[in-house]
C-alpha cells in the first residue's frame, strides 16, 4: 500500500511538472522581431536562422552578434540599431538556438558557433565591421583564426571571454533530459532568475533595466527547444579550447575591446590584461557592467563611431 502511494505521488509530481512546462511554453507565445528593419532568414546546415537588416544597401556593413545566456537574442542591440543604421548597413542575427532562430536538439559547441559565424558572414555580407558581445566574441575570434578567407574590416569585442568555468557535462545531460531537465531549466530561466542575471551581470544601475527587455528575454527562454543551447553554456562546454589573448594577438584585424568599468563576471582587470597581452586598444565605459551598449547606448556609440572615420569615408 505504501509503495502504491509513493508511486502515485511520483506520477502526480511528474504530471505536474509536465503540465507546468507546457503552460510556460504556451504563455510565452511566439517572439516578434524586436528590431527596426527587414527580417530575413539564412538556412545553415538545416537550421533556419533569423536576422534583421537595417540601413542603406550601399552603406558599410556592420554585423551585431549577441551574447550567450538563457534569454539571449539580437534584442540585446535594440538600443543602438536605429542610430547605427543611419551610417551603416546593420545586420543583427539571432544565433542558432536563440531568439527567432530555430533551436534543434543539437549538442551546441564553440566550433558550431564559429562555423556558423564564419559562413553567415561570408554568405550575407562582405568585409564587415563586427561587434560581438561576451562569449560570442571568442567565437568570432575562432572563426577568423580558422579561416584565411574570412575578411573583417574591424572588430569590436564587448567584455569578451573564453572561459566560464570548469566543464560539467553531467549538467548538460541533466538539462537536456525531456521532463526534469525542462523543469529545471524553467526554474533557471524564470522571471526572477532572468532579472537577477540582468541586475548582477548586465546593468550597473538596475533602474535602467527596461521591463520590455526582461519580458522579451523571458519569452525567448521559453520557446520550443530553448534549453538546448543554454545547457551547453551552463555546463561550460561552450568555452573555446584556446587562449584568447594568444589568438587575438595573432589576428590581422584591427580590434578594440570595450569594457564596463564595474563588470564583475569579467572584471576590468581581465580586460586590461587581455589588452596588454594582445596589444589592443581598451575602451572603458563608466557605471556599466556586461552590457554597456544597452545601459549607455549614446556613450557606447560615441566611442564606436569615433573609431570608424576611415570606414565611413
Protein backbone atom coordinates (compact mmCIF):
# COMPACT_ATOMS: atom_id res chain seq x y z
CA UNK A 1 0.00 0.00 0.00
CA UNK A 2 2.84 2.38 0.93
CA UNK A 3 4.63 1.64 -2.35
CA UNK A 4 1.43 2.31 -4.27
CA UNK A 5 1.06 5.69 -2.59
CA UNK A 6 4.67 6.60 -3.35
CA UNK A 7 4.27 5.60 -6.99
CA UNK A 8 1.06 7.59 -7.19
CA UNK A 9 2.69 10.65 -5.67
CA UNK A 10 5.62 10.32 -8.04
CA UNK A 11 3.34 10.05 -11.05
CA UNK A 12 1.39 13.09 -9.89
CA UNK A 13 4.59 15.09 -9.48
CA UNK A 14 5.81 14.13 -12.95
CA UNK A 15 2.44 15.06 -14.38
CA UNK A 16 2.50 18.42 -12.64
CA UNK A 17 6.00 19.18 -13.95
CA UNK A 18 4.98 18.25 -17.50
CA UNK A 19 1.83 20.37 -17.28
CA UNK A 20 3.83 23.30 -15.91
CA UNK A 21 6.38 23.05 -18.72
CA UNK A 22 3.63 23.08 -21.35
CA UNK A 23 1.86 26.01 -19.69
CA UNK A 24 5.01 28.16 -19.65
CA UNK A 25 5.62 27.50 -23.35
CA UNK A 26 2.05 28.49 -24.21
CA UNK A 27 2.25 31.65 -22.11
CA UNK A 28 5.48 32.74 -23.78
CA UNK A 29 3.94 32.59 -27.25
CA UNK A 30 5.87 33.27 -30.47
CA UNK A 31 8.51 36.01 -30.50
CA UNK A 32 8.09 39.14 -32.55
CA UNK A 33 11.03 40.88 -34.20
CA UNK A 34 12.30 43.45 -31.65
CA UNK A 35 14.46 45.42 -34.09
CA UNK A 36 13.71 48.02 -36.78
CA UNK A 37 14.48 46.87 -40.30
CA UNK A 38 13.71 43.96 -42.61
CA UNK A 39 13.79 40.44 -41.24
CA UNK A 40 15.42 37.75 -43.35
CA UNK A 41 16.29 34.10 -42.94
CA UNK A 42 19.51 32.20 -43.53
CA UNK A 43 19.40 28.43 -43.74
CA UNK A 44 22.54 26.88 -42.33
CA UNK A 45 23.08 23.11 -42.18
CA UNK A 46 19.33 22.58 -41.99
CA UNK A 47 18.76 25.25 -39.30
CA UNK A 48 16.56 28.21 -40.19
CA UNK A 49 18.15 31.29 -38.63
CA UNK A 50 16.71 34.79 -38.44
CA UNK A 51 18.46 38.10 -38.91
CA UNK A 52 17.43 41.73 -39.35
CA UNK A 53 18.87 44.20 -41.84
CA UNK A 54 18.58 47.98 -41.33
CA UNK A 55 20.18 50.86 -43.19
CA UNK A 56 21.00 51.72 -46.79
CA UNK A 57 22.09 48.81 -49.02
CA UNK A 58 25.29 50.58 -50.12
CA UNK A 59 26.35 51.66 -46.61
CA UNK A 60 29.35 49.95 -44.94
CA UNK A 61 28.20 46.60 -43.47
CA UNK A 62 28.18 46.09 -39.70
CA UNK A 63 27.30 42.76 -38.07
CA UNK A 64 25.96 42.55 -34.50
CA UNK A 65 26.40 39.28 -32.58
CA UNK A 66 24.65 38.93 -29.24
CA UNK A 67 25.94 37.36 -26.02
CA UNK A 68 25.07 33.89 -24.69
CA UNK A 69 22.65 33.31 -21.81
CA UNK A 70 19.26 31.68 -21.26
CA UNK A 71 17.23 34.55 -22.74
CA UNK A 72 19.78 35.80 -25.27
CA UNK A 73 18.79 37.23 -28.66
CA UNK A 74 19.55 40.10 -31.01
CA UNK A 75 17.17 42.18 -28.87
CA UNK A 76 20.31 42.95 -26.85
CA UNK A 77 21.20 45.54 -29.51
CA UNK A 78 17.78 47.22 -29.71
CA UNK A 79 19.08 50.46 -28.11
CA UNK A 80 21.74 51.01 -30.80
CA UNK A 81 20.43 49.54 -34.08
CA UNK A 82 18.45 52.54 -35.24
CA UNK A 83 21.28 55.04 -34.80
CA UNK A 84 23.86 52.68 -36.31
CA UNK A 85 21.62 52.20 -39.34
CA UNK A 86 21.96 55.91 -40.15
CA UNK A 87 25.60 55.30 -41.14
CA UNK A 88 25.86 51.54 -41.70
CA UNK A 89 24.04 48.60 -43.18
CA UNK A 90 23.35 46.84 -39.89
CA UNK A 91 22.92 43.06 -39.78
CA UNK A 92 21.76 41.71 -36.40
CA UNK A 93 21.47 37.92 -36.22
CA UNK A 94 19.88 35.52 -33.76
CA UNK A 95 22.41 32.73 -33.31
CA UNK A 96 21.20 29.12 -33.74
CA UNK A 97 19.43 28.07 -30.56
CA UNK A 98 18.39 31.61 -29.61
CA UNK A 99 15.83 34.30 -30.37
CA UNK A 100 13.74 33.80 -33.51
CA UNK A 101 16.15 31.24 -34.98
CA UNK A 102 15.42 27.53 -34.80
CA UNK A 103 16.57 25.60 -31.73
CA UNK A 104 17.10 21.97 -32.70
CA UNK A 105 18.24 19.49 -30.01
CA UNK A 106 21.90 19.62 -31.00
CA UNK A 107 24.90 19.41 -28.70
CA UNK A 108 25.93 23.03 -29.18
CA UNK A 109 29.68 23.68 -29.21
CA UNK A 110 32.11 26.57 -29.76
CA UNK A 111 33.10 25.04 -33.09
CA UNK A 112 29.48 25.04 -34.22
CA UNK A 113 29.10 28.74 -33.48
CA UNK A 114 32.46 29.64 -35.01
CA UNK A 115 31.50 27.78 -38.20
CA UNK A 116 28.08 29.46 -38.29
CA UNK A 117 29.52 32.95 -37.83
CA UNK A 118 32.17 32.37 -40.50
CA UNK A 119 29.71 31.04 -43.10
CA UNK A 120 26.96 33.54 -42.23
CA UNK A 121 29.30 36.48 -42.75
CA UNK A 122 30.75 35.03 -45.93
CA UNK A 123 27.33 34.44 -47.48
CA UNK A 124 25.40 37.52 -46.34
CA UNK A 125 27.91 40.37 -46.48
CA UNK A 126 31.44 41.35 -47.43
CA UNK A 127 34.28 42.64 -45.26
CA UNK A 128 32.05 43.90 -42.43
CA UNK A 129 32.71 45.60 -39.12
CA UNK A 130 31.72 43.17 -36.36
CA UNK A 131 30.51 43.97 -32.85
CA UNK A 132 30.31 40.87 -30.66
CA UNK A 133 29.32 40.53 -27.03
CA UNK A 134 30.79 38.37 -24.25
CA UNK A 135 31.45 34.69 -25.12
CA UNK A 136 30.39 35.26 -28.72
CA UNK A 137 33.45 37.45 -29.11
CA UNK A 138 35.58 34.32 -28.64
CA UNK A 139 33.51 32.53 -31.31
CA UNK A 140 34.28 35.35 -33.75
CA UNK A 141 37.99 35.13 -32.95
CA UNK A 142 37.89 31.37 -33.54
CA UNK A 143 36.03 31.88 -36.82
CA UNK A 144 38.58 34.42 -38.03
CA UNK A 145 41.54 32.35 -36.84
CA UNK A 146 40.36 29.21 -38.63
CA UNK A 147 39.58 30.84 -41.97
CA UNK A 148 42.02 32.74 -44.13
CA UNK A 149 39.15 33.77 -46.41
CA UNK A 150 37.07 35.50 -43.68
CA UNK A 151 37.79 39.20 -44.12
CA UNK A 152 36.65 41.62 -41.41
CA UNK A 153 37.12 45.37 -41.66
CA UNK A 154 37.17 45.97 -37.91
CA UNK A 155 36.34 44.07 -34.72
CA UNK A 156 34.80 45.40 -31.50
CA UNK A 157 34.57 42.94 -28.61
CA UNK A 158 32.40 43.78 -25.60
CA UNK A 159 33.72 42.13 -22.42
CA UNK A 160 34.96 39.05 -24.34
CA UNK A 161 35.75 35.86 -22.50
CA UNK A 162 36.72 32.33 -23.45
CA UNK A 163 36.38 30.59 -20.10
CA UNK A 164 33.21 30.49 -18.00
CA UNK A 165 34.28 27.75 -15.57
CA UNK A 166 35.01 24.06 -15.34
CA UNK A 167 33.24 21.73 -17.76
CA UNK A 168 30.25 19.90 -16.27
CA UNK A 169 28.95 17.57 -18.99
CA UNK A 170 26.62 15.93 -16.46
CA UNK A 171 24.76 19.24 -16.10
CA UNK A 172 24.27 19.50 -19.85
CA UNK A 173 22.88 15.94 -19.87
CA UNK A 174 20.55 16.77 -17.00
CA UNK A 175 19.23 19.98 -18.56
CA UNK A 176 18.66 18.23 -21.89
CA UNK A 177 16.57 15.47 -20.30
CA UNK A 178 12.95 15.51 -21.52
CA UNK A 179 11.00 16.27 -18.36
CA UNK A 180 13.10 17.02 -15.30
CA UNK A 181 15.64 18.93 -17.40
CA UNK A 182 12.95 21.16 -18.86
CA UNK A 183 11.52 21.79 -15.41
CA UNK A 184 14.96 22.67 -14.02
CA UNK A 185 15.71 24.93 -16.98
CA UNK A 186 12.39 26.71 -16.48
CA UNK A 187 13.46 27.48 -12.91
CA UNK A 188 16.82 28.80 -14.12
CA UNK A 189 15.01 30.88 -16.75
CA UNK A 190 12.20 32.15 -14.53
CA UNK A 191 11.39 35.86 -14.45
CA UNK A 192 13.13 36.36 -11.07
CA UNK A 193 16.21 34.45 -12.31
CA UNK A 194 16.43 36.48 -15.51
CA UNK A 195 16.02 39.73 -13.60
CA UNK A 196 18.73 38.60 -11.17
CA UNK A 197 21.08 37.96 -14.11
CA UNK A 198 20.48 41.45 -15.53
CA UNK A 199 20.87 43.11 -12.13
CA UNK A 200 24.01 41.18 -11.22
CA UNK A 201 25.87 40.96 -14.54
CA UNK A 202 24.05 43.11 -17.09
CA UNK A 203 23.48 46.55 -15.62
CA UNK A 204 25.27 48.80 -13.13
CA UNK A 205 22.02 50.63 -12.31
CA UNK A 206 19.06 48.27 -12.09
CA UNK A 207 16.70 51.22 -12.63
CA UNK A 208 17.93 51.34 -16.22
CA UNK A 209 16.68 47.82 -16.97
CA UNK A 210 13.77 48.04 -19.36
CA UNK A 211 10.79 45.86 -18.40
CA UNK A 212 10.15 45.04 -22.06
CA UNK A 213 13.73 43.78 -22.33
CA UNK A 214 13.20 41.45 -19.37
CA UNK A 215 9.91 40.19 -20.74
CA UNK A 216 11.40 39.53 -24.17
CA UNK A 217 14.30 37.62 -22.60
CA UNK A 218 11.84 35.52 -20.58
CA UNK A 219 9.73 34.76 -23.64
CA UNK A 220 12.84 33.91 -25.63
CA UNK A 221 13.90 31.48 -22.90
CA UNK A 222 10.57 29.63 -23.18
CA UNK A 223 10.40 28.98 -26.90
CA UNK A 224 10.35 25.36 -28.12
CA UNK A 225 13.85 23.91 -27.77
CA UNK A 226 15.10 26.89 -25.75
CA UNK A 227 17.04 24.77 -23.26
CA UNK A 228 19.50 23.07 -25.62
CA UNK A 229 21.99 25.84 -26.37
CA UNK A 230 21.96 27.27 -22.81
CA UNK A 231 22.51 23.72 -21.49
CA UNK A 232 25.92 23.73 -23.18
CA UNK A 233 26.62 27.23 -21.85
CA UNK A 234 25.64 26.40 -18.25
CA UNK A 235 27.79 23.27 -18.32
CA UNK A 236 30.90 25.14 -19.50
CA UNK A 237 31.05 23.17 -22.74
CA UNK A 238 30.72 26.28 -24.94
CA UNK A 239 34.12 27.57 -23.88
CA UNK A 240 36.61 27.57 -26.79
CA UNK A 241 39.71 25.49 -26.27
CA UNK A 242 42.31 28.21 -26.79
CA UNK A 243 43.99 31.14 -25.10
CA UNK A 244 42.05 34.24 -26.13
CA UNK A 245 44.99 36.63 -25.76
CA UNK A 246 47.21 34.46 -27.97
CA UNK A 247 44.57 34.16 -30.68
CA UNK A 248 43.78 37.88 -30.62
CA UNK A 249 47.46 38.79 -30.88
CA UNK A 250 47.75 36.59 -33.97
CA UNK A 251 44.74 38.13 -35.74
CA UNK A 252 45.49 40.56 -38.54
CA UNK A 253 42.30 42.52 -37.78
CA UNK A 254 42.18 45.88 -36.03
CA UNK A 255 40.40 45.11 -32.76
CA UNK A 256 39.10 47.24 -29.91
CA UNK A 257 37.98 45.92 -26.53
CA UNK A 258 35.07 47.65 -24.80
CA UNK A 259 34.53 47.08 -21.09
CA UNK A 260 32.12 48.17 -18.40
CA UNK A 261 34.23 49.53 -15.56
CA UNK A 262 32.17 47.73 -12.91
CA UNK A 263 31.84 44.36 -14.63
CA UNK A 264 32.21 41.51 -12.14
CA UNK A 265 31.72 38.34 -14.17
CA UNK A 266 34.52 39.51 -16.48
CA UNK A 267 36.25 42.20 -14.39
CA UNK A 268 38.10 45.15 -15.86
CA UNK A 269 41.45 43.76 -14.72
CA UNK A 270 40.86 40.88 -17.19
CA UNK A 271 40.25 43.43 -19.91
CA UNK A 272 43.45 45.27 -19.10
CA UNK A 273 45.46 42.04 -19.05
CA UNK A 274 43.94 40.97 -22.37
CA UNK A 275 44.61 44.35 -23.97
CA UNK A 276 48.23 44.33 -22.76
CA UNK A 277 48.86 40.73 -23.83
CA UNK A 278 47.39 41.18 -27.32
CA UNK A 279 48.45 44.84 -27.74
CA UNK A 280 44.88 46.08 -28.25
CA UNK A 281 43.05 49.31 -27.52
CA UNK A 282 40.75 49.17 -24.50
CA UNK A 283 37.76 51.48 -24.08
CA UNK A 284 36.24 51.65 -20.59
CA UNK A 285 32.68 52.85 -20.03
CA UNK A 286 31.91 54.12 -16.53
CA UNK A 287 28.89 53.00 -14.50
CA UNK A 288 28.46 49.91 -16.64
CA UNK A 289 28.99 46.15 -16.35
CA UNK A 290 28.50 43.48 -19.05
CA UNK A 291 26.08 45.38 -21.30
CA UNK A 292 27.47 48.92 -21.71
CA UNK A 293 25.87 49.14 -25.16
CA UNK A 294 22.42 48.56 -23.66
CA UNK A 295 22.85 50.64 -20.49
CA UNK A 296 24.65 53.60 -22.08
CA UNK A 297 23.91 53.38 -25.83
CA UNK A 298 24.80 57.01 -26.63
CA UNK A 299 28.17 56.75 -24.90
CA UNK A 300 28.88 53.38 -26.48
CA UNK A 301 28.08 54.68 -29.97
CA UNK A 302 30.20 57.76 -29.37
CA UNK A 303 33.25 55.56 -28.80
CA UNK A 304 32.50 53.18 -31.67
CA UNK A 305 31.73 55.83 -34.27
CA UNK A 306 34.84 57.79 -33.30
CA UNK A 307 36.91 54.72 -34.21
CA UNK A 308 35.46 54.41 -37.72
CA UNK A 309 36.12 57.59 -39.74
CA UNK A 310 38.11 55.67 -42.34
CA UNK A 311 35.20 53.27 -42.90
CA UNK A 312 32.57 56.00 -43.28
CA UNK A 313 34.73 57.80 -45.81
